Amino acid sequence: MRKKLKILFYTLSALFFYSWVIPIEININSFYIKIAYLAYLIPYMIYEAIQLNNDDKNKGSYFFVNRLYLVIICSVLLLLLIILLK
């Protein structure tokens, strides 16, 4: 199940970013692709976070927590750089 969800996530991500690079000229507007991507992205990220947290508990590691710390630190550094560059 997890592998199928990951494949669907990568497919929707490719469509989403492909619509930015090359405008889609078919009946489906790129607006609907963005809606479908965001509607799938948020629940998938919550599901994946729960699964990674459970994996860490089973293995006794802190891989997911360390990854969250890395994202938070990089976000703060990015905000500080944006503020300093203005």
N, C-alpha and C. Protein backbone atom coordinates (compact mmCIF):
# COMPACT_ATOMS: atom_id res chain seq x y z
N MET A 1 0.83 -1.19 0.00
CA MET A 1 0.00 0.00 0.00
C MET A 1 0.88 1.26 0.00
N ARG A 2 1.89 1.22 0.84
CA ARG A 2 2.75 2.39 0.96
C ARG A 2 3.51 2.66 -0.34
N LYS A 3 3.89 1.60 -1.03
CA LYS A 3 4.62 1.74 -2.28
C LYS A 3 3.71 2.31 -3.38
N LYS A 4 2.46 1.88 -3.41
CA LYS A 4 1.50 2.39 -4.40
C LYS A 4 1.21 3.87 -4.17
N LEU A 5 1.09 4.25 -2.91
CA LEU A 5 0.86 5.66 -2.59
C LEU A 5 2.05 6.51 -2.98
N LYS A 6 3.25 5.98 -2.79
CA LYS A 6 4.46 6.71 -3.16
C LYS A 6 4.56 6.89 -4.68
N ILE A 7 4.20 5.85 -5.43
CA ILE A 7 4.20 5.96 -6.90
C ILE A 7 3.18 6.98 -7.36
N LEU A 8 1.99 6.98 -6.76
CA LEU A 8 0.98 7.98 -7.10
C LEU A 8 1.45 9.38 -6.76
N PHE A 9 2.15 9.53 -5.64
CA PHE A 9 2.68 10.83 -5.24
C PHE A 9 3.69 11.34 -6.26
N TYR A 10 4.61 10.48 -6.70
CA TYR A 10 5.60 10.90 -7.68
C TYR A 10 4.97 11.22 -9.03
N THR A 11 3.94 10.48 -9.40
CA THR A 11 3.25 10.76 -10.66
C THR A 11 2.55 12.10 -10.62
N LEU A 12 1.83 12.37 -9.54
CA LEU A 12 1.16 13.67 -9.41
C LEU A 12 2.16 14.81 -9.30
N SER A 13 3.27 14.57 -8.63
CA SER A 13 4.30 15.60 -8.54
C SER A 13 4.88 15.92 -9.91
N ALA A 14 5.12 14.88 -10.70
CA ALA A 14 5.64 15.10 -12.05
C ALA A 14 4.64 15.88 -12.90
N LEU A 15 3.37 15.54 -12.82
CA LEU A 15 2.35 16.29 -13.57
C LEU A 15 2.27 17.74 -13.10
N PHE A 16 2.37 17.92 -11.80
CA PHE A 16 2.28 19.27 -11.24
C PHE A 16 3.44 20.15 -11.72
N PHE A 17 4.65 19.64 -11.63
CA PHE A 17 5.80 20.43 -12.05
C PHE A 17 5.93 20.51 -13.57
N TYR A 18 5.46 19.49 -14.26
CA TYR A 18 5.45 19.50 -15.72
C TYR A 18 4.51 20.60 -16.24
N SER A 19 3.40 20.82 -15.53
CA SER A 19 2.46 21.87 -15.94
C SER A 19 3.05 23.26 -15.75
N TRP A 20 4.05 23.40 -14.88
CA TRP A 20 4.73 24.68 -14.74
C TRP A 20 5.69 24.92 -15.89
N VAL A 21 6.39 23.87 -16.31
CA VAL A 21 7.40 24.00 -17.34
C VAL A 21 6.74 24.17 -18.72
N ILE A 22 5.82 23.30 -19.02
CA ILE A 22 5.14 23.33 -20.32
C ILE A 22 3.64 23.48 -20.06
N PRO A 23 3.03 24.57 -20.52
CA PRO A 23 1.59 24.74 -20.30
C PRO A 23 0.79 23.63 -20.99
N ILE A 24 -0.19 23.14 -20.29
CA ILE A 24 -1.01 22.05 -20.82
C ILE A 24 -2.12 22.65 -21.69
N GLU A 25 -2.23 22.16 -22.90
CA GLU A 25 -3.21 22.67 -23.86
C GLU A 25 -4.28 21.63 -24.17
N ILE A 26 -4.71 20.87 -23.18
CA ILE A 26 -5.76 19.89 -23.40
C ILE A 26 -7.00 20.32 -22.64
N ASN A 27 -8.01 19.50 -22.64
CA ASN A 27 -9.27 19.86 -22.01
C ASN A 27 -9.16 20.05 -20.50
N ILE A 28 -8.23 19.32 -19.89
CA ILE A 28 -8.04 19.45 -18.45
C ILE A 28 -7.13 20.65 -18.20
N ASN A 29 -7.63 21.61 -17.50
CA ASN A 29 -6.85 22.80 -17.18
C ASN A 29 -5.81 22.46 -16.11
N SER A 30 -4.70 23.12 -16.11
CA SER A 30 -3.66 22.86 -15.12
C SER A 30 -4.14 23.21 -13.71
N PHE A 31 -5.18 24.03 -13.62
CA PHE A 31 -5.75 24.37 -12.32
C PHE A 31 -6.26 23.13 -11.60
N TYR A 32 -6.87 22.21 -12.34
CA TYR A 32 -7.40 20.99 -11.74
C TYR A 32 -6.28 20.06 -11.30
N ILE A 33 -5.18 20.09 -12.00
CA ILE A 33 -4.03 19.28 -11.60
C ILE A 33 -3.49 19.80 -10.27
N LYS A 34 -3.46 21.12 -10.11
CA LYS A 34 -2.98 21.70 -8.84
C LYS A 34 -3.91 21.34 -7.69
N ILE A 35 -5.22 21.37 -7.95
CA ILE A 35 -6.18 21.00 -6.90
C ILE A 35 -6.01 19.53 -6.52
N ALA A 36 -5.89 18.66 -7.51
CA ALA A 36 -5.71 17.23 -7.24
C ALA A 36 -4.40 16.99 -6.49
N TYR A 37 -3.37 17.71 -6.87
CA TYR A 37 -2.06 17.53 -6.22
C TYR A 37 -2.13 17.94 -4.75
N LEU A 38 -2.70 19.09 -4.48
CA LEU A 38 -2.78 19.54 -3.09
C LEU A 38 -3.74 18.69 -2.27
N ALA A 39 -4.82 18.22 -2.90
CA ALA A 39 -5.77 17.37 -2.18
C ALA A 39 -5.14 16.03 -1.81
N TYR A 40 -4.20 15.57 -2.59
CA TYR A 40 -3.51 14.33 -2.28
C TYR A 40 -2.27 14.56 -1.41
N LEU A 41 -1.61 15.69 -1.60
CA LEU A 41 -0.34 15.96 -0.93
C LEU A 41 -0.49 16.03 0.59
N ILE A 42 -1.46 16.76 1.06
CA ILE A 42 -1.59 16.99 2.50
C ILE A 42 -1.89 15.69 3.26
N PRO A 43 -2.91 14.90 2.85
CA PRO A 43 -3.11 13.64 3.58
C PRO A 43 -1.95 12.65 3.43
N TYR A 44 -1.30 12.65 2.25
CA TYR A 44 -0.18 11.74 2.05
C TYR A 44 0.99 12.11 2.97
N MET A 45 1.27 13.37 3.12
CA MET A 45 2.37 13.79 3.99
C MET A 45 2.08 13.46 5.45
N ILE A 46 0.84 13.61 5.86
CA ILE A 46 0.48 13.24 7.23
C ILE A 46 0.63 11.73 7.42
N TYR A 47 0.16 10.95 6.45
CA TYR A 47 0.28 9.49 6.52
C TYR A 47 1.75 9.07 6.55
N GLU A 48 2.55 9.65 5.68
CA GLU A 48 3.97 9.28 5.61
C GLU A 48 4.70 9.67 6.90
N ALA A 49 4.35 10.81 7.49
CA ALA A 49 4.97 11.22 8.75
C ALA A 49 4.63 10.24 9.87
N ILE A 50 3.39 9.79 9.90
CA ILE A 50 2.99 8.82 10.92
C ILE A 50 3.74 7.50 10.72
N GLN A 51 3.84 7.06 9.46
CA GLN A 51 4.54 5.81 9.17
C GLN A 51 6.03 5.90 9.51
N LEU A 52 6.67 7.02 9.18
CA LEU A 52 8.09 7.19 9.52
C LEU A 52 8.30 7.24 11.02
N ASN A 53 7.37 7.87 11.72
CA ASN A 53 7.46 7.93 13.18
C ASN A 53 7.32 6.52 13.76
N ASN A 54 6.40 5.73 13.22
CA ASN A 54 6.23 4.35 13.68
C ASN A 54 7.47 3.51 13.35
N ASP A 55 8.05 3.73 12.18
CA ASP A 55 9.28 3.01 11.82
C ASP A 55 10.40 3.33 12.81
N ASP A 56 10.51 4.60 13.18
CA ASP A 56 11.54 4.99 14.13
C ASP A 56 11.32 4.35 15.50
N LYS A 57 10.06 4.27 15.92
CA LYS A 57 9.77 3.63 17.21
C LYS A 57 10.13 2.16 17.18
N ASN A 58 9.82 1.50 16.06
CA ASN A 58 10.12 0.07 15.95
C ASN A 58 11.62 -0.19 15.91
N LYS A 59 12.36 0.67 15.21
CA LYS A 59 13.80 0.47 15.07
C LYS A 59 14.59 1.07 16.23
N GLY A 60 13.97 1.97 16.98
CA GLY A 60 14.67 2.61 18.07
C GLY A 60 15.63 3.69 17.60
N SER A 61 15.36 4.28 16.44
CA SER A 61 16.23 5.33 15.91
C SER A 61 15.51 6.67 15.94
N TYR A 62 16.24 7.71 15.62
CA TYR A 62 15.68 9.06 15.60
C TYR A 62 15.84 9.70 14.23
N PHE A 63 15.76 8.89 13.19
CA PHE A 63 15.98 9.39 11.83
C PHE A 63 14.94 10.43 11.43
N PHE A 64 13.67 10.15 11.66
CA PHE A 64 12.60 11.08 11.27
C PHE A 64 12.65 12.36 12.09
N VAL A 65 12.89 12.25 13.36
CA VAL A 65 12.96 13.44 14.22
C VAL A 65 14.14 14.31 13.81
N ASN A 66 15.27 13.69 13.51
CA ASN A 66 16.43 14.45 13.05
C ASN A 66 16.15 15.14 11.72
N ARG A 67 15.39 14.47 10.84
CA ARG A 67 15.03 15.09 9.58
C ARG A 67 14.12 16.30 9.80
N LEU A 68 13.21 16.21 10.77
CA LEU A 68 12.35 17.36 11.10
C LEU A 68 13.18 18.52 11.64
N TYR A 69 14.15 18.21 12.49
CA TYR A 69 15.03 19.26 13.01
C TYR A 69 15.79 19.94 11.87
N LEU A 70 16.26 19.15 10.93
CA LEU A 70 16.99 19.69 9.78
C LEU A 70 16.10 20.63 8.96
N VAL A 71 14.87 20.24 8.73
CA VAL A 71 13.94 21.09 7.96
C VAL A 71 13.65 22.38 8.71
N ILE A 72 13.47 22.31 10.00
CA ILE A 72 13.18 23.52 10.79
C ILE A 72 14.38 24.45 10.78
N ILE A 73 15.57 23.91 10.99
CA ILE A 73 16.78 24.74 10.99
C ILE A 73 17.01 25.38 9.64
N CYS A 74 16.84 24.62 8.56
CA CYS A 74 17.03 25.18 7.22
C CYS A 74 15.99 26.24 6.90
N SER A 75 14.76 26.06 7.37
CA SER A 75 13.72 27.06 7.15
C SER A 75 14.04 28.37 7.87
N VAL A 76 14.52 28.24 9.10
CA VAL A 76 14.89 29.44 9.86
C VAL A 76 16.07 30.15 9.19
N LEU A 77 17.06 29.39 8.75
CA LEU A 77 18.20 29.99 8.06
C LEU A 77 17.79 30.67 6.77
N LEU A 78 16.88 30.05 6.04
CA LEU A 78 16.39 30.65 4.80
C LEU A 78 15.65 31.95 5.07
N LEU A 79 14.82 31.97 6.10
CA LEU A 79 14.12 33.21 6.46
C LEU A 79 15.09 34.30 6.89
N LEU A 80 16.10 33.93 7.66
CA LEU A 80 17.09 34.92 8.08
C LEU A 80 17.87 35.48 6.87
N LEU A 81 18.22 34.62 5.94
CA LEU A 81 18.90 35.09 4.75
C LEU A 81 18.04 36.01 3.90
N ILE A 82 16.77 35.68 3.79
CA ILE A 82 15.86 36.54 3.02
C ILE A 82 15.74 37.90 3.70
N ILE A 83 15.65 37.91 5.02
CA ILE A 83 15.53 39.17 5.74
C ILE A 83 16.82 39.98 5.60
N LEU A 84 17.96 39.31 5.70
CA LEU A 84 19.25 40.02 5.61
C LEU A 84 19.53 40.54 4.20
N LEU A 85 19.07 39.85 3.19
CA LEU A 85 19.31 40.27 1.82
C LEU A 85 18.43 41.43 1.37
N LYS A 86 17.36 41.65 2.09
CA LYS A 86 16.48 42.78 1.75
C LYS A 86 17.05 44.00 2.35
